[in-house]
């Protein structure tokens, strides 16, 4: 139950971050396409001079990362005989996750200092480059976590999570090189939403009986009484469960795409932006008349 609550907490934090990033990025691009540039931090537009409200988003982000760090440090002391390598491997993987979270906390704190004070005037491209490196570390961690799982479903979920982290790393690197690339900035926010939705799906598929695929069951160490995630014994059920997870992932991608389209359409309508691919605008009559007069003058001159 505690693992499911943690997955729900991670999911809500990531989805909120992704939606907020999508709204701010799309709004900035629609208001001034020529001056648009990606930003690692978007202050609340309603309170530009109020310090608490301006940095409320960053404060909440650091708080969520801190709670996730406490969770990883707490579970590192738990026994996990259901993992390959048993408890020692679980201890070191938990510490690795905690170290990555500390890096994200330091990067968020540096971003807060850079925007609120003059102590750390770091450029935006450097922040995106550092974020790219941290997301690559997260990708490496998720891949190594998938390799030591005895649960086939949990390994599959970790593999997909690693792919999303790799996508975020590539997008941050692209923004560090080309900060005016709106497609990469919007896709970065969408990747946050997708990672959050997949964290929720992971918790449901591994710890909720109603969402566990047919033919799979929860692992249980009878001696120590430790309950793990879900495992499929037969090869057919394992392949079927993997195919179901792939299908669910595609549905999550579709849902994130719909979220982006709704956000873009709503902001474009509220800002009064019309489609640039619509019907053409007719030339003014004055321009047509002027061209007609010039042609008559040229023909008269030649005559």
C-alpha atoms as a PDB file:
ATOM      1  CA  UNK A   1       0.000   0.000   0.000  1.00  0.00           C
ATOM      2  CA  UNK A   2       2.843   2.384   0.824  1.00  0.00           C
ATOM      3  CA  UNK A   3       4.443   1.745  -2.569  1.00  0.00           C
ATOM      4  CA  UNK A   4       1.172   2.588  -4.338  1.00  0.00           C
ATOM      5  CA  UNK A   5       0.782   5.829  -2.364  1.00  0.00           C
ATOM      6  CA  UNK A   6       4.321   6.824  -3.308  1.00  0.00           C
ATOM      7  CA  UNK A   7       3.613   6.140  -6.987  1.00  0.00           C
ATOM      8  CA  UNK A   8       0.472   8.296  -6.811  1.00  0.00           C
ATOM      9  CA  UNK A   9       2.481  11.094  -5.169  1.00  0.00           C
ATOM     10  CA  UNK A  10       5.164  10.935  -7.871  1.00  0.00           C
ATOM     11  CA  UNK A  11       2.520  10.828 -10.576  1.00  0.00           C
ATOM     12  CA  UNK A  12       0.646  13.900  -9.334  1.00  0.00           C
ATOM     13  CA  UNK A  13       3.872  15.894  -8.964  1.00  0.00           C
ATOM     14  CA  UNK A  14       5.145  15.037 -12.454  1.00  0.00           C
ATOM     15  CA  UNK A  15       1.806  15.591 -14.198  1.00  0.00           C
ATOM     16  CA  UNK A  16       1.377  18.957 -12.463  1.00  0.00           C
ATOM     17  CA  UNK A  17       4.885  19.969 -13.492  1.00  0.00           C
ATOM     18  CA  UNK A  18       4.285  18.875 -17.075  1.00  0.00           C
ATOM     19  CA  UNK A  19       0.935  20.647 -17.457  1.00  0.00           C
ATOM     20  CA  UNK A  20       2.310  23.861 -15.924  1.00  0.00           C
ATOM     21  CA  UNK A  21       5.319  23.750 -18.242  1.00  0.00           C
ATOM     22  CA  UNK A  22       3.086  23.171 -21.273  1.00  0.00           C
ATOM     23  CA  UNK A  23       0.808  26.083 -20.370  1.00  0.00           C
ATOM     24  CA  UNK A  24       3.656  28.551 -19.781  1.00  0.00           C
ATOM     25  CA  UNK A  25       5.646  27.459 -22.827  1.00  0.00           C
ATOM     26  CA  UNK A  26       2.672  27.575 -25.185  1.00  0.00           C
ATOM     27  CA  UNK A  27       1.524  30.941 -23.810  1.00  0.00           C
ATOM     28  CA  UNK A  28       4.958  32.504 -24.304  1.00  0.00           C
ATOM     29  CA  UNK A  29       5.228  31.168 -27.842  1.00  0.00           C
ATOM     30  CA  UNK A  30       1.760  32.380 -28.859  1.00  0.00           C
ATOM     31  CA  UNK A  31       2.212  35.849 -27.360  1.00  0.00           C
ATOM     32  CA  UNK A  32       5.583  36.585 -28.976  1.00  0.00           C
ATOM     33  CA  UNK A  33       6.809  33.964 -31.486  1.00  0.00           C
ATOM     34  CA  UNK A  34       9.768  36.102 -32.594  1.00  0.00           C
ATOM     35  CA  UNK A  35      11.077  36.681 -29.048  1.00  0.00           C
ATOM     36  CA  UNK A  36      10.353  33.151 -27.826  1.00  0.00           C
ATOM     37  CA  UNK A  37      13.110  31.246 -26.019  1.00  0.00           C
ATOM     38  CA  UNK A  38      12.919  28.223 -23.739  1.00  0.00           C
ATOM     39  CA  UNK A  39      13.188  28.851 -20.010  1.00  0.00           C
ATOM     40  CA  UNK A  40      13.954  26.325 -17.276  1.00  0.00           C
ATOM     41  CA  UNK A  41      11.693  28.226 -14.867  1.00  0.00           C
ATOM     42  CA  UNK A  42       8.390  30.020 -15.448  1.00  0.00           C
ATOM     43  CA  UNK A  43       7.276  32.305 -12.588  1.00  0.00           C
ATOM     44  CA  UNK A  44       3.595  32.766 -11.951  1.00  0.00           C
ATOM     45  CA  UNK A  45       2.408  35.555 -14.269  1.00  0.00           C
ATOM     46  CA  UNK A  46      -0.190  36.798 -11.781  1.00  0.00           C
ATOM     47  CA  UNK A  47       2.412  37.837  -9.189  1.00  0.00           C
ATOM     48  CA  UNK A  48       5.590  39.142 -10.871  1.00  0.00           C
ATOM     49  CA  UNK A  49       6.664  41.188  -7.841  1.00  0.00           C
ATOM     50  CA  UNK A  50       5.437  38.962  -5.010  1.00  0.00           C
ATOM     51  CA  UNK A  51       8.351  36.800  -3.946  1.00  0.00           C
ATOM     52  CA  UNK A  52       6.349  33.966  -2.356  1.00  0.00           C
ATOM     53  CA  UNK A  53       3.935  33.526  -5.237  1.00  0.00           C
ATOM     54  CA  UNK A  54       6.607  34.116  -7.883  1.00  0.00           C
ATOM     55  CA  UNK A  55       8.712  31.186  -6.682  1.00  0.00           C
ATOM     56  CA  UNK A  56       5.876  29.019  -5.368  1.00  0.00           C
ATOM     57  CA  UNK A  57       6.319  26.579  -8.250  1.00  0.00           C
ATOM     58  CA  UNK A  58      10.031  26.070  -7.508  1.00  0.00           C
ATOM     59  CA  UNK A  59       9.410  25.821  -3.771  1.00  0.00           C
ATOM     60  CA  UNK A  60       6.818  23.078  -4.296  1.00  0.00           C
ATOM     61  CA  UNK A  61       9.154  21.267  -6.691  1.00  0.00           C
ATOM     62  CA  UNK A  62      12.000  21.255  -4.164  1.00  0.00           C
ATOM     63  CA  UNK A  63       9.583  20.115  -1.443  1.00  0.00           C
ATOM     64  CA  UNK A  64       8.368  17.182  -3.555  1.00  0.00           C
ATOM     65  CA  UNK A  65      11.944  16.178  -4.368  1.00  0.00           C
ATOM     66  CA  UNK A  66      12.805  16.339  -0.669  1.00  0.00           C
ATOM     67  CA  UNK A  67       9.904  14.038   0.247  1.00  0.00           C
ATOM     68  CA  UNK A  68      10.964  11.601  -2.476  1.00  0.00           C
ATOM     69  CA  UNK A  69      14.510  11.680  -1.062  1.00  0.00           C
ATOM     70  CA  UNK A  70      13.248  10.859   2.428  1.00  0.00           C
ATOM     71  CA  UNK A  71      11.255   7.953   1.002  1.00  0.00           C
ATOM     72  CA  UNK A  72      14.295   6.495  -0.765  1.00  0.00           C
ATOM     73  CA  UNK A  73      16.465   6.824   2.336  1.00  0.00           C
ATOM     74  CA  UNK A  74      13.765   5.165   4.436  1.00  0.00           C
ATOM     75  CA  UNK A  75      13.192   2.164   2.178  1.00  0.00           C
ATOM     76  CA  UNK A  76      16.943   1.627   1.739  1.00  0.00           C
ATOM     77  CA  UNK A  77      16.988   0.044   5.190  1.00  0.00           C
ATOM     78  CA  UNK A  78      14.188  -2.391   4.353  1.00  0.00           C
ATOM     79  CA  UNK A  79      14.893  -6.012   3.504  1.00  0.00           C
ATOM     80  CA  UNK A  80      14.058  -7.113  -0.032  1.00  0.00           C
ATOM     81  CA  UNK A  81      14.746 -10.830  -0.545  1.00  0.00           C
ATOM     82  CA  UNK A  82      12.662 -10.819  -3.741  1.00  0.00           C
ATOM     83  CA  UNK A  83      15.234  -8.789  -5.669  1.00  0.00           C
ATOM     84  CA  UNK A  84      18.140 -10.307  -7.616  1.00  0.00           C
ATOM     85  CA  UNK A  85      21.087 -10.011  -5.271  1.00  0.00           C
ATOM     86  CA  UNK A  86      18.588  -9.744  -2.415  1.00  0.00           C
ATOM     87  CA  UNK A  87      18.823  -6.996   0.235  1.00  0.00           C
ATOM     88  CA  UNK A  88      22.352  -5.616  -0.504  1.00  0.00           C
ATOM     89  CA  UNK A  89      21.366  -4.807  -4.090  1.00  0.00           C
ATOM     90  CA  UNK A  90      18.180  -3.122  -2.879  1.00  0.00           C
ATOM     91  CA  UNK A  91      20.235  -1.031  -0.443  1.00  0.00           C
ATOM     92  CA  UNK A  92      22.605   0.289  -3.078  1.00  0.00           C
ATOM     93  CA  UNK A  93      19.913   0.908  -5.705  1.00  0.00           C
ATOM     94  CA  UNK A  94      17.936   2.925  -3.155  1.00  0.00           C
ATOM     95  CA  UNK A  95      21.034   4.966  -2.334  1.00  0.00           C
ATOM     96  CA  UNK A  96      21.624   5.544  -6.050  1.00  0.00           C
ATOM     97  CA  UNK A  97      18.068   6.838  -6.437  1.00  0.00           C
ATOM     98  CA  UNK A  98      18.585   9.091  -3.426  1.00  0.00           C
ATOM     99  CA  UNK A  99      21.809  10.479  -4.910  1.00  0.00           C
ATOM    100  CA  UNK A 100      20.034  11.332  -8.183  1.00  0.00           C
ATOM    101  CA  UNK A 101      17.275  13.082  -6.239  1.00  0.00           C
ATOM    102  CA  UNK A 102      19.897  15.114  -4.365  1.00  0.00           C
ATOM    103  CA  UNK A 103      21.312  16.219  -7.726  1.00  0.00           C
ATOM    104  CA  UNK A 104      17.862  17.362  -8.868  1.00  0.00           C
ATOM    105  CA  UNK A 105      17.378  19.229  -5.574  1.00  0.00           C
ATOM    106  CA  UNK A 106      20.712  21.011  -6.020  1.00  0.00           C
ATOM    107  CA  UNK A 107      19.837  21.945  -9.604  1.00  0.00           C
ATOM    108  CA  UNK A 108      16.435  23.314  -8.517  1.00  0.00           C
ATOM    109  CA  UNK A 109      18.036  25.266  -5.672  1.00  0.00           C
ATOM    110  CA  UNK A 110      20.640  26.681  -8.073  1.00  0.00           C
ATOM    111  CA  UNK A 111      17.841  27.756 -10.416  1.00  0.00           C
ATOM    112  CA  UNK A 112      16.073  29.465  -7.512  1.00  0.00           C
ATOM    113  CA  UNK A 113      19.259  31.300  -6.474  1.00  0.00           C
ATOM    114  CA  UNK A 114      19.972  32.295 -10.054  1.00  0.00           C
ATOM    115  CA  UNK A 115      16.563  33.895 -10.537  1.00  0.00           C
ATOM    116  CA  UNK A 116      16.033  35.350  -7.051  1.00  0.00           C
ATOM    117  CA  UNK A 117      19.555  36.628  -6.319  1.00  0.00           C
ATOM    118  CA  UNK A 118      22.804  37.567  -8.041  1.00  0.00           C
ATOM    119  CA  UNK A 119      24.830  34.902  -6.258  1.00  0.00           C
ATOM    120  CA  UNK A 120      24.650  32.370  -9.075  1.00  0.00           C
ATOM    121  CA  UNK A 121      24.058  34.055 -12.469  1.00  0.00           C
ATOM    122  CA  UNK A 122      24.074  30.924 -14.583  1.00  0.00           C
ATOM    123  CA  UNK A 123      22.760  31.001 -18.180  1.00  0.00           C
ATOM    124  CA  UNK A 124      19.703  29.024 -19.206  1.00  0.00           C
ATOM    125  CA  UNK A 125      21.556  26.822 -21.666  1.00  0.00           C
ATOM    126  CA  UNK A 126      23.800  25.584 -18.849  1.00  0.00           C
ATOM    127  CA  UNK A 127      20.764  24.611 -16.779  1.00  0.00           C
ATOM    128  CA  UNK A 128      19.320  22.642 -19.680  1.00  0.00           C
ATOM    129  CA  UNK A 129      22.676  20.922 -20.218  1.00  0.00           C
ATOM    130  CA  UNK A 130      22.877  19.938 -16.542  1.00  0.00           C
ATOM    131  CA  UNK A 131      19.262  18.734 -16.599  1.00  0.00           C
ATOM    132  CA  UNK A 132      20.095  16.627 -19.652  1.00  0.00           C
ATOM    133  CA  UNK A 133      22.931  14.972 -17.735  1.00  0.00           C
ATOM    134  CA  UNK A 134      20.675  14.264 -14.739  1.00  0.00           C
ATOM    135  CA  UNK A 135      17.934  12.771 -16.895  1.00  0.00           C
ATOM    136  CA  UNK A 136      20.559  10.559 -18.504  1.00  0.00           C
ATOM    137  CA  UNK A 137      21.574   9.395 -15.010  1.00  0.00           C
ATOM    138  CA  UNK A 138      17.912   8.653 -14.321  1.00  0.00           C
ATOM    139  CA  UNK A 139      17.741   6.666 -17.551  1.00  0.00           C
ATOM    140  CA  UNK A 140      20.821   4.665 -16.532  1.00  0.00           C
ATOM    141  CA  UNK A 141      19.381   4.019 -13.075  1.00  0.00           C
ATOM    142  CA  UNK A 142      16.000   2.840 -14.413  1.00  0.00           C
ATOM    143  CA  UNK A 143      17.742   0.524 -16.887  1.00  0.00           C
ATOM    144  CA  UNK A 144      19.909  -1.026 -14.177  1.00  0.00           C
ATOM    145  CA  UNK A 145      16.870  -1.367 -11.917  1.00  0.00           C
ATOM    146  CA  UNK A 146      15.029  -3.286 -14.618  1.00  0.00           C
ATOM    147  CA  UNK A 147      17.960  -5.691 -14.920  1.00  0.00           C
ATOM    148  CA  UNK A 148      17.826  -6.804 -11.268  1.00  0.00           C
ATOM    149  CA  UNK A 149      14.066  -7.311 -10.979  1.00  0.00           C
ATOM    150  CA  UNK A 150      12.654 -10.776 -10.484  1.00  0.00           C
ATOM    151  CA  UNK A 151       9.264  -9.391 -11.475  1.00  0.00           C
ATOM    152  CA  UNK A 152       8.844  -9.366 -15.244  1.00  0.00           C
ATOM    153  CA  UNK A 153       6.177  -6.673 -15.107  1.00  0.00           C
ATOM    154  CA  UNK A 154       8.239  -4.415 -12.884  1.00  0.00           C
ATOM    155  CA  UNK A 155      11.216  -4.806 -15.223  1.00  0.00           C
ATOM    156  CA  UNK A 156       8.976  -3.872 -18.167  1.00  0.00           C
ATOM    157  CA  UNK A 157       7.657  -0.805 -16.350  1.00  0.00           C
ATOM    158  CA  UNK A 158      11.187   0.293 -15.419  1.00  0.00           C
ATOM    159  CA  UNK A 159      12.337  -0.146 -19.021  1.00  0.00           C
ATOM    160  CA  UNK A 160       9.584   2.122 -20.354  1.00  0.00           C
ATOM    161  CA  UNK A 161      10.306   4.672 -17.618  1.00  0.00           C
ATOM    162  CA  UNK A 162      13.972   4.611 -18.670  1.00  0.00           C
ATOM    163  CA  UNK A 163      12.969   5.335 -22.276  1.00  0.00           C
ATOM    164  CA  UNK A 164      10.953   8.388 -21.168  1.00  0.00           C
ATOM    165  CA  UNK A 165      13.925   9.644 -19.124  1.00  0.00           C
ATOM    166  CA  UNK A 166      16.173   9.219 -22.163  1.00  0.00           C
ATOM    167  CA  UNK A 167      13.702  11.277 -24.211  1.00  0.00           C
ATOM    168  CA  UNK A 168      13.757  14.044 -21.587  1.00  0.00           C
ATOM    169  CA  UNK A 169      17.560  14.007 -21.650  1.00  0.00           C
ATOM    170  CA  UNK A 170      17.663  14.401 -25.441  1.00  0.00           C
ATOM    171  CA  UNK A 171      15.099  17.224 -25.345  1.00  0.00           C
ATOM    172  CA  UNK A 172      17.029  19.130 -22.667  1.00  0.00           C
ATOM    173  CA  UNK A 173      20.200  18.777 -24.706  1.00  0.00           C
ATOM    174  CA  UNK A 174      18.384  20.103 -27.785  1.00  0.00           C
ATOM    175  CA  UNK A 175      17.144  23.112 -25.804  1.00  0.00           C
ATOM    176  CA  UNK A 176      20.659  23.775 -24.505  1.00  0.00           C
ATOM    177  CA  UNK A 177      21.848  23.983 -28.113  1.00  0.00           C
ATOM    178  CA  UNK A 178      18.768  25.668 -29.629  1.00  0.00           C
ATOM    179  CA  UNK A 179      16.676  27.451 -26.967  1.00  0.00           C
ATOM    180  CA  UNK A 180      14.212  28.795 -29.568  1.00  0.00           C
ATOM    181  CA  UNK A 181      13.054  25.299 -30.503  1.00  0.00           C
ATOM    182  CA  UNK A 182       9.436  25.354 -29.348  1.00  0.00           C
ATOM    183  CA  UNK A 183       8.782  21.766 -30.409  1.00  0.00           C
ATOM    184  CA  UNK A 184      11.480  20.473 -28.047  1.00  0.00           C
ATOM    185  CA  UNK A 185      10.268  22.686 -25.187  1.00  0.00           C
ATOM    186  CA  UNK A 186       6.677  21.539 -25.555  1.00  0.00           C
ATOM    187  CA  UNK A 187       7.773  17.918 -25.909  1.00  0.00           C
ATOM    188  CA  UNK A 188       9.747  18.274 -22.657  1.00  0.00           C
ATOM    189  CA  UNK A 189       6.592  19.256 -20.791  1.00  0.00           C
ATOM    190  CA  UNK A 190       4.743  16.403 -22.458  1.00  0.00           C
ATOM    191  CA  UNK A 191       7.471  13.979 -21.347  1.00  0.00           C
ATOM    192  CA  UNK A 192       6.915  15.081 -17.729  1.00  0.00           C
ATOM    193  CA  UNK A 193       3.206  14.331 -18.092  1.00  0.00           C
ATOM    194  CA  UNK A 194       3.952  10.978 -19.691  1.00  0.00           C
ATOM    195  CA  UNK A 195       6.412  10.033 -16.944  1.00  0.00           C
ATOM    196  CA  UNK A 196       3.832  10.935 -14.313  1.00  0.00           C
ATOM    197  CA  UNK A 197       1.076   8.931 -15.964  1.00  0.00           C
ATOM    198  CA  UNK A 198       3.392   5.974 -16.344  1.00  0.00           C
ATOM    199  CA  UNK A 199       4.341   6.158 -12.651  1.00  0.00           C
ATOM    200  CA  UNK A 200       0.647   5.875 -11.820  1.00  0.00           C
ATOM    201  CA  UNK A 201       0.222   2.996 -14.277  1.00  0.00           C
ATOM    202  CA  UNK A 202       3.218   1.230 -12.714  1.00  0.00           C
ATOM    203  CA  UNK A 203       1.672   1.437  -9.264  1.00  0.00           C
ATOM    204  CA  UNK A 204      -1.673   0.142 -10.519  1.00  0.00           C
ATOM    205  CA  UNK A 205      -0.195  -2.711 -12.564  1.00  0.00           C
ATOM    206  CA  UNK A 206       2.071  -3.942  -9.779  1.00  0.00           C
ATOM    207  CA  UNK A 207       0.136  -3.389  -6.551  1.00  0.00           C
ATOM    208  CA  UNK A 208      -3.615  -3.263  -7.334  1.00  0.00           C
ATOM    209  CA  UNK A 209      -5.294  -6.625  -7.891  1.00  0.00           C
ATOM    210  CA  UNK A 210      -7.899  -5.223 -10.286  1.00  0.00           C
ATOM    211  CA  UNK A 211      -5.168  -4.006 -12.688  1.00  0.00           C
ATOM    212  CA  UNK A 212      -2.854  -7.012 -12.513  1.00  0.00           C
ATOM    213  CA  UNK A 213      -2.948  -8.872 -15.864  1.00  0.00           C
ATOM    214  CA  UNK A 214      -4.587 -12.272 -15.934  1.00  0.00           C
ATOM    215  CA  UNK A 215      -2.209 -15.119 -15.201  1.00  0.00           C
ATOM    216  CA  UNK A 216       0.120 -13.000 -13.030  1.00  0.00           C
ATOM    217  CA  UNK A 217       0.330 -12.814  -9.254  1.00  0.00           C
ATOM    218  CA  UNK A 218       2.094 -10.940  -6.471  1.00  0.00           C
ATOM    219  CA  UNK A 219       5.413 -12.204  -5.212  1.00  0.00           C
ATOM    220  CA  UNK A 220       5.680 -13.205  -1.566  1.00  0.00           C
ATOM    221  CA  UNK A 221       8.620 -14.314   0.532  1.00  0.00           C
ATOM    222  CA  UNK A 222       6.989 -16.670   3.035  1.00  0.00           C
ATOM    223  CA  UNK A 223       9.944 -16.782   5.439  1.00  0.00           C
ATOM    224  CA  UNK A 224      10.325 -13.025   5.935  1.00  0.00           C
ATOM    225  CA  UNK A 225       6.759 -12.073   5.049  1.00  0.00           C
ATOM    226  CA  UNK A 226       7.887  -9.505   2.477  1.00  0.00           C
ATOM    227  CA  UNK A 227       5.383  -8.855  -0.293  1.00  0.00           C
ATOM    228  CA  UNK A 228       6.788  -7.776  -3.633  1.00  0.00           C
ATOM    229  CA  UNK A 229       5.373  -6.715  -6.980  1.00  0.00           C
ATOM    230  CA  UNK A 230       3.827  -8.869  -9.706  1.00  0.00           C
ATOM    231  CA  UNK A 231       5.313 -11.824 -11.576  1.00  0.00           C
ATOM    232  CA  UNK A 232       4.025 -13.949 -14.457  1.00  0.00           C
ATOM    233  CA  UNK A 233       5.058 -17.610 -14.257  1.00  0.00           C
ATOM    234  CA  UNK A 234       4.162 -18.853 -17.741  1.00  0.00           C
ATOM    235  CA  UNK A 235       5.841 -17.503 -20.861  1.00  0.00           C
ATOM    236  CA  UNK A 236       2.508 -16.911 -22.605  1.00  0.00           C
ATOM    237  CA  UNK A 237       1.114 -14.858 -19.728  1.00  0.00           C
ATOM    238  CA  UNK A 238       4.370 -12.869 -19.527  1.00  0.00           C
ATOM    239  CA  UNK A 239       4.215 -11.998 -23.225  1.00  0.00           C
ATOM    240  CA  UNK A 240       0.529 -11.138 -22.948  1.00  0.00           C
ATOM    241  CA  UNK A 241       1.156  -8.862 -19.962  1.00  0.00           C
ATOM    242  CA  UNK A 242       4.006  -7.135 -21.798  1.00  0.00           C
ATOM    243  CA  UNK A 243       1.775  -6.537 -24.815  1.00  0.00           C
ATOM    244  CA  UNK A 244      -0.900  -5.064 -22.558  1.00  0.00           C
ATOM    245  CA  UNK A 245       1.627  -2.674 -21.017  1.00  0.00           C
ATOM    246  CA  UNK A 246       2.797  -1.598 -24.473  1.00  0.00           C
ATOM    247  CA  UNK A 247      -0.795  -0.894 -25.480  1.00  0.00           C
ATOM    248  CA  UNK A 248      -1.445   1.063 -22.290  1.00  0.00           C
ATOM    249  CA  UNK A 249       1.705   3.110 -22.885  1.00  0.00           C
ATOM    250  CA  UNK A 250       0.490   4.075 -26.358  1.00  0.00           C
ATOM    251  CA  UNK A 251      -2.841   5.112 -24.840  1.00  0.00           C
ATOM    252  CA  UNK A 252      -0.977   7.299 -22.345  1.00  0.00           C
ATOM    253  CA  UNK A 253       0.911   8.920 -25.228  1.00  0.00           C
ATOM    254  CA  UNK A 254      -2.404   9.594 -26.951  1.00  0.00           C
ATOM    255  CA  UNK A 255      -3.813  11.118 -23.764  1.00  0.00           C
ATOM    256  CA  UNK A 256      -0.788  13.421 -23.374  1.00  0.00           C
ATOM    257  CA  UNK A 257      -1.192  14.505 -27.002  1.00  0.00           C
ATOM    258  CA  UNK A 258      -4.829  15.384 -26.316  1.00  0.00           C
ATOM    259  CA  UNK A 259      -3.759  17.387 -23.256  1.00  0.00           C
ATOM    260  CA  UNK A 260      -1.326  19.408 -25.387  1.00  0.00           C
ATOM    261  CA  UNK A 261      -3.920  20.034 -28.110  1.00  0.00           C
ATOM    262  CA  UNK A 262      -6.486  21.213 -25.558  1.00  0.00           C
ATOM    263  CA  UNK A 263      -3.950  23.526 -23.896  1.00  0.00           C
ATOM    264  CA  UNK A 264      -2.757  24.947 -27.218  1.00  0.00           C
ATOM    265  CA  UNK A 265      -6.275  25.465 -28.551  1.00  0.00           C
ATOM    266  CA  UNK A 266      -7.538  27.063 -25.332  1.00  0.00           C
ATOM    267  CA  UNK A 267      -4.612  29.471 -25.067  1.00  0.00           C
ATOM    268  CA  UNK A 268      -4.778  30.371 -28.751  1.00  0.00           C
ATOM    269  CA  UNK A 269      -8.463  31.174 -28.428  1.00  0.00           C
ATOM    270  CA  UNK A 270      -8.014  33.194 -25.221  1.00  0.00           C
ATOM    271  CA  UNK A 271      -5.182  35.230 -26.786  1.00  0.00           C
ATOM    272  CA  UNK A 272      -7.085  35.757 -30.018  1.00  0.00           C
ATOM    273  CA  UNK A 273      -4.622  33.856 -32.202  1.00  0.00           C
ATOM    274  CA  UNK A 274      -6.042  32.639 -35.501  1.00  0.00           C
ATOM    275  CA  UNK A 275      -4.747  29.724 -37.513  1.00  0.00           C
ATOM    276  CA  UNK A 276      -1.771  30.553 -39.696  1.00  0.00           C
ATOM    277  CA  UNK A 277      -2.868  27.805 -42.092  1.00  0.00           C
ATOM    278  CA  UNK A 278      -6.323  29.219 -42.765  1.00  0.00           C
ATOM    279  CA  UNK A 279      -7.676  31.003 -45.843  1.00  0.00           C
ATOM    280  CA  UNK A 280      -5.451  33.551 -47.497  1.00  0.00           C
ATOM    281  CA  UNK A 281      -5.981  37.278 -47.086  1.00  0.00           C
ATOM    282  CA  UNK A 282      -6.853  39.133 -50.254  1.00  0.00           C
ATOM    283  CA  UNK A 283      -4.593  41.943 -51.359  1.00  0.00           C
ATOM    284  CA  UNK A 284      -5.930  45.442 -50.749  1.00  0.00           C
ATOM    285  CA  UNK A 285      -7.652  47.121 -53.685  1.00  0.00           C
ATOM    286  CA  UNK A 286      -5.228  50.020 -53.453  1.00  0.00           C
ATOM    287  CA  UNK A 287      -2.314  47.722 -54.209  1.00  0.00           C
ATOM    288  CA  UNK A 288      -4.164  46.238 -57.196  1.00  0.00           C
ATOM    289  CA  UNK A 289      -5.076  49.679 -58.494  1.00  0.00           C
ATOM    290  CA  UNK A 290      -1.493  50.890 -58.045  1.00  0.00           C
ATOM    291  CA  UNK A 291      -0.131  47.953 -60.023  1.00  0.00           C
ATOM    292  CA  UNK A 292      -2.737  48.560 -62.725  1.00  0.00           C
ATOM    293  CA  UNK A 293      -1.756  52.233 -62.992  1.00  0.00           C
ATOM    294  CA  UNK A 294       1.954  51.312 -63.217  1.00  0.00           C
ATOM    295  CA  UNK A 295       1.232  48.839 -66.022  1.00  0.00           C
ATOM    296  CA  UNK A 296      -0.778  51.449 -67.948  1.00  0.00           C
ATOM    297  CA  UNK A 297       2.001  53.978 -67.532  1.00  0.00           C
ATOM    298  CA  UNK A 298       4.629  51.517 -68.760  1.00  0.00           C
ATOM    299  CA  UNK A 299       2.508  50.539 -71.791  1.00  0.00           C
ATOM    300  CA  UNK A 300       1.903  54.186 -72.639  1.00  0.00           C
ATOM    301  CA  UNK A 301       5.595  54.947 -72.396  1.00  0.00           C
ATOM    302  CA  UNK A 302       6.524  52.057 -74.675  1.00  0.00           C
ATOM    303  CA  UNK A 303       3.923  53.178 -77.199  1.00  0.00           C
END
